[in-house]
Amino acid sequence: MVNFIEFFEIQITTMNIKSIFNYESNRYKALSVGKVVPEADRCVQCGICSFNCPIGIDVREYVWKGSSIIDNHCLTCGECIKRCPRGVLRFERINYSPEIIKETH
């Protein structure tokens, strides 16, 4: 017989696993058709974005040039966006045709 506490822990664990899978699935769909876009005029070139990139992309250089991060190694993980102290970076949706999106998923 399962006592109440064990039953409650099992329910919480199951619920968390389901929510994690749903979150990751939705995150993948959203980020796979997005890119990181800067507001170059607000950037102070501190380099925190580049320092926190897990792939080692020089995000600061893209921002300095005023261009989107168009590096095929970019994971769109959002670390550069989260770490920017001035909020210079944001995600922007890439306007792919529905046929291209279906081919990549």
C-alpha atoms as a PDB file:
ATOM      1  CA  MET A   1       0.000   0.000   0.000  1.00  0.00           C
ATOM      2  CA  VAL A   2       1.304   3.448  -0.973  1.00  0.00           C
ATOM      3  CA  ASN A   3       0.993   6.052   1.717  1.00  0.00           C
ATOM      4  CA  PHE A   4      -0.226   9.554   0.996  1.00  0.00           C
ATOM      5  CA  ILE A   5       3.211  11.193   0.926  1.00  0.00           C
ATOM      6  CA  GLU A   6       4.619   8.661  -1.565  1.00  0.00           C
ATOM      7  CA  PHE A   7       1.521   9.040  -3.756  1.00  0.00           C
ATOM      8  CA  PHE A   8       1.832  12.830  -3.639  1.00  0.00           C
ATOM      9  CA  GLU A   9       5.551  12.689  -4.555  1.00  0.00           C
ATOM     10  CA  ILE A  10       4.782  10.378  -7.502  1.00  0.00           C
ATOM     11  CA  GLN A  11       2.068  12.749  -8.757  1.00  0.00           C
ATOM     12  CA  ILE A  12       4.345  15.780  -8.478  1.00  0.00           C
ATOM     13  CA  THR A  13       7.194  13.959 -10.263  1.00  0.00           C
ATOM     14  CA  THR A  14       4.909  12.829 -13.094  1.00  0.00           C
ATOM     15  CA  MET A  15       3.437  16.288 -13.467  1.00  0.00           C
ATOM     16  CA  ASN A  16       6.894  17.913 -13.560  1.00  0.00           C
ATOM     17  CA  ILE A  17       8.175  15.502 -16.193  1.00  0.00           C
ATOM     18  CA  LYS A  18       5.167  16.182 -18.423  1.00  0.00           C
ATOM     19  CA  SER A  19       5.540  19.940 -18.054  1.00  0.00           C
ATOM     20  CA  ILE A  20       9.268  19.730 -18.786  1.00  0.00           C
ATOM     21  CA  PHE A  21       8.644  17.790 -22.012  1.00  0.00           C
ATOM     22  CA  ASN A  22       5.905  20.212 -23.087  1.00  0.00           C
ATOM     23  CA  TYR A  23       8.094  23.214 -22.287  1.00  0.00           C
ATOM     24  CA  GLU A  24      11.108  21.846 -24.173  1.00  0.00           C
ATOM     25  CA  SER A  25       8.993  20.816 -27.159  1.00  0.00           C
ATOM     26  CA  ASN A  26       7.397  24.258 -27.421  1.00  0.00           C
ATOM     27  CA  ARG A  27      10.754  25.964 -26.846  1.00  0.00           C
ATOM     28  CA  TYR A  28      12.355  23.947 -29.673  1.00  0.00           C
ATOM     29  CA  LYS A  29       9.568  24.852 -32.085  1.00  0.00           C
ATOM     30  CA  ALA A  30       9.797  28.548 -31.215  1.00  0.00           C
ATOM     31  CA  LEU A  31      13.571  28.835 -31.257  1.00  0.00           C
ATOM     32  CA  SER A  32      14.160  26.752 -34.364  1.00  0.00           C
ATOM     33  CA  VAL A  33      12.488  29.467 -36.457  1.00  0.00           C
ATOM     34  CA  GLY A  34      14.061  32.410 -34.644  1.00  0.00           C
ATOM     35  CA  LYS A  35      17.251  34.428 -34.550  1.00  0.00           C
ATOM     36  CA  VAL A  36      18.926  36.838 -32.156  1.00  0.00           C
ATOM     37  CA  VAL A  37      18.597  40.469 -33.213  1.00  0.00           C
ATOM     38  CA  PRO A  38      20.403  43.425 -31.589  1.00  0.00           C
ATOM     39  CA  GLU A  39      19.600  47.073 -31.044  1.00  0.00           C
ATOM     40  CA  ALA A  40      23.129  48.243 -31.825  1.00  0.00           C
ATOM     41  CA  ASP A  41      22.631  51.865 -30.793  1.00  0.00           C
ATOM     42  CA  ARG A  42      21.937  50.821 -27.168  1.00  0.00           C
ATOM     43  CA  CYS A  43      24.947  48.486 -26.841  1.00  0.00           C
ATOM     44  CA  VAL A  44      27.898  49.606 -24.678  1.00  0.00           C
ATOM     45  CA  GLN A  45      30.189  46.797 -25.946  1.00  0.00           C
ATOM     46  CA  CYS A  46      30.681  45.229 -22.500  1.00  0.00           C
ATOM     47  CA  GLY A  47      31.091  41.739 -24.006  1.00  0.00           C
ATOM     48  CA  ILE A  48      28.951  39.912 -21.445  1.00  0.00           C
ATOM     49  CA  CYS A  49      26.904  38.382 -24.265  1.00  0.00           C
ATOM     50  CA  SER A  50      29.983  36.852 -25.910  1.00  0.00           C
ATOM     51  CA  PHE A  51      31.428  35.726 -22.581  1.00  0.00           C
ATOM     52  CA  ASN A  52      28.253  33.786 -21.747  1.00  0.00           C
ATOM     53  CA  CYS A  53      27.751  32.161 -25.160  1.00  0.00           C
ATOM     54  CA  PRO A  54      28.205  28.395 -24.612  1.00  0.00           C
ATOM     55  CA  ILE A  55      29.414  27.972 -28.210  1.00  0.00           C
ATOM     56  CA  GLY A  56      31.863  30.875 -28.077  1.00  0.00           C
ATOM     57  CA  ILE A  57      30.257  33.056 -30.738  1.00  0.00           C
ATOM     58  CA  ASP A  58      31.476  36.653 -30.645  1.00  0.00           C
ATOM     59  CA  VAL A  59      27.987  38.089 -30.236  1.00  0.00           C
ATOM     60  CA  ARG A  60      29.439  41.502 -29.432  1.00  0.00           C
ATOM     61  CA  GLU A  61      30.977  41.714 -32.910  1.00  0.00           C
ATOM     62  CA  TYR A  62      27.606  41.029 -34.568  1.00  0.00           C
ATOM     63  CA  VAL A  63      26.002  43.696 -32.379  1.00  0.00           C
ATOM     64  CA  TRP A  64      28.789  46.167 -33.151  1.00  0.00           C
ATOM     65  CA  LYS A  65      28.136  45.637 -36.870  1.00  0.00           C
ATOM     66  CA  GLY A  66      24.388  45.953 -36.265  1.00  0.00           C
ATOM     67  CA  SER A  67      23.594  42.562 -37.808  1.00  0.00           C
ATOM     68  CA  SER A  68      21.585  39.589 -36.593  1.00  0.00           C
ATOM     69  CA  ILE A  69      23.450  36.600 -35.189  1.00  0.00           C
ATOM     70  CA  ILE A  70      23.639  34.511 -38.328  1.00  0.00           C
ATOM     71  CA  ASP A  71      26.092  31.846 -37.219  1.00  0.00           C
ATOM     72  CA  ASN A  72      24.999  28.296 -38.007  1.00  0.00           C
ATOM     73  CA  HIS A  73      26.538  27.163 -34.696  1.00  0.00           C
ATOM     74  CA  CYS A  74      24.134  29.369 -32.711  1.00  0.00           C
ATOM     75  CA  LEU A  75      21.891  27.205 -30.534  1.00  0.00           C
ATOM     76  CA  THR A  76      19.372  30.005 -29.927  1.00  0.00           C
ATOM     77  CA  CYS A  77      19.665  29.080 -26.252  1.00  0.00           C
ATOM     78  CA  GLY A  78      19.066  32.675 -25.178  1.00  0.00           C
ATOM     79  CA  GLU A  79      22.029  33.009 -22.807  1.00  0.00           C
ATOM     80  CA  CYS A  80      23.257  36.157 -24.559  1.00  0.00           C
ATOM     81  CA  ILE A  81      19.771  37.652 -24.323  1.00  0.00           C
ATOM     82  CA  LYS A  82      19.366  36.766 -20.653  1.00  0.00           C
ATOM     83  CA  ARG A  83      22.796  38.085 -19.658  1.00  0.00           C
ATOM     84  CA  CYS A  84      22.756  41.400 -21.505  1.00  0.00           C
ATOM     85  CA  PRO A  85      22.549  44.083 -18.789  1.00  0.00           C
ATOM     86  CA  ARG A  86      20.971  46.639 -21.151  1.00  0.00           C
ATOM     87  CA  GLY A  87      18.430  44.374 -22.859  1.00  0.00           C
ATOM     88  CA  VAL A  88      19.939  45.013 -26.270  1.00  0.00           C
ATOM     89  CA  LEU A  89      19.291  41.520 -27.675  1.00  0.00           C
ATOM     90  CA  ARG A  90      15.959  39.880 -28.497  1.00  0.00           C
ATOM     91  CA  PHE A  91      14.555  36.942 -30.432  1.00  0.00           C
ATOM     92  CA  GLU A  92      12.888  37.596 -33.744  1.00  0.00           C
ATOM     93  CA  ARG A  93      10.939  35.101 -35.805  1.00  0.00           C
ATOM     94  CA  ILE A  94      12.403  34.050 -39.147  1.00  0.00           C
ATOM     95  CA  ASN A  95       9.745  34.136 -41.835  1.00  0.00           C
ATOM     96  CA  TYR A  96      10.170  30.743 -43.422  1.00  0.00           C
ATOM     97  CA  SER A  97       7.574  29.340 -45.743  1.00  0.00           C
ATOM     98  CA  PRO A  98       5.536  26.456 -44.215  1.00  0.00           C
ATOM     99  CA  GLU A  99       7.172  23.995 -46.646  1.00  0.00           C
ATOM    100  CA  ILE A 100      10.660  24.744 -45.340  1.00  0.00           C
ATOM    101  CA  ILE A 101       9.548  24.387 -41.707  1.00  0.00           C
ATOM    102  CA  LYS A 102       7.955  20.989 -42.440  1.00  0.00           C
ATOM    103  CA  GLU A 103      11.182  19.774 -44.102  1.00  0.00           C
ATOM    104  CA  THR A 104      13.340  20.720 -41.098  1.00  0.00           C
ATOM    105  CA  HIS A 105      11.082  19.129 -38.438  1.00  0.00           C
END
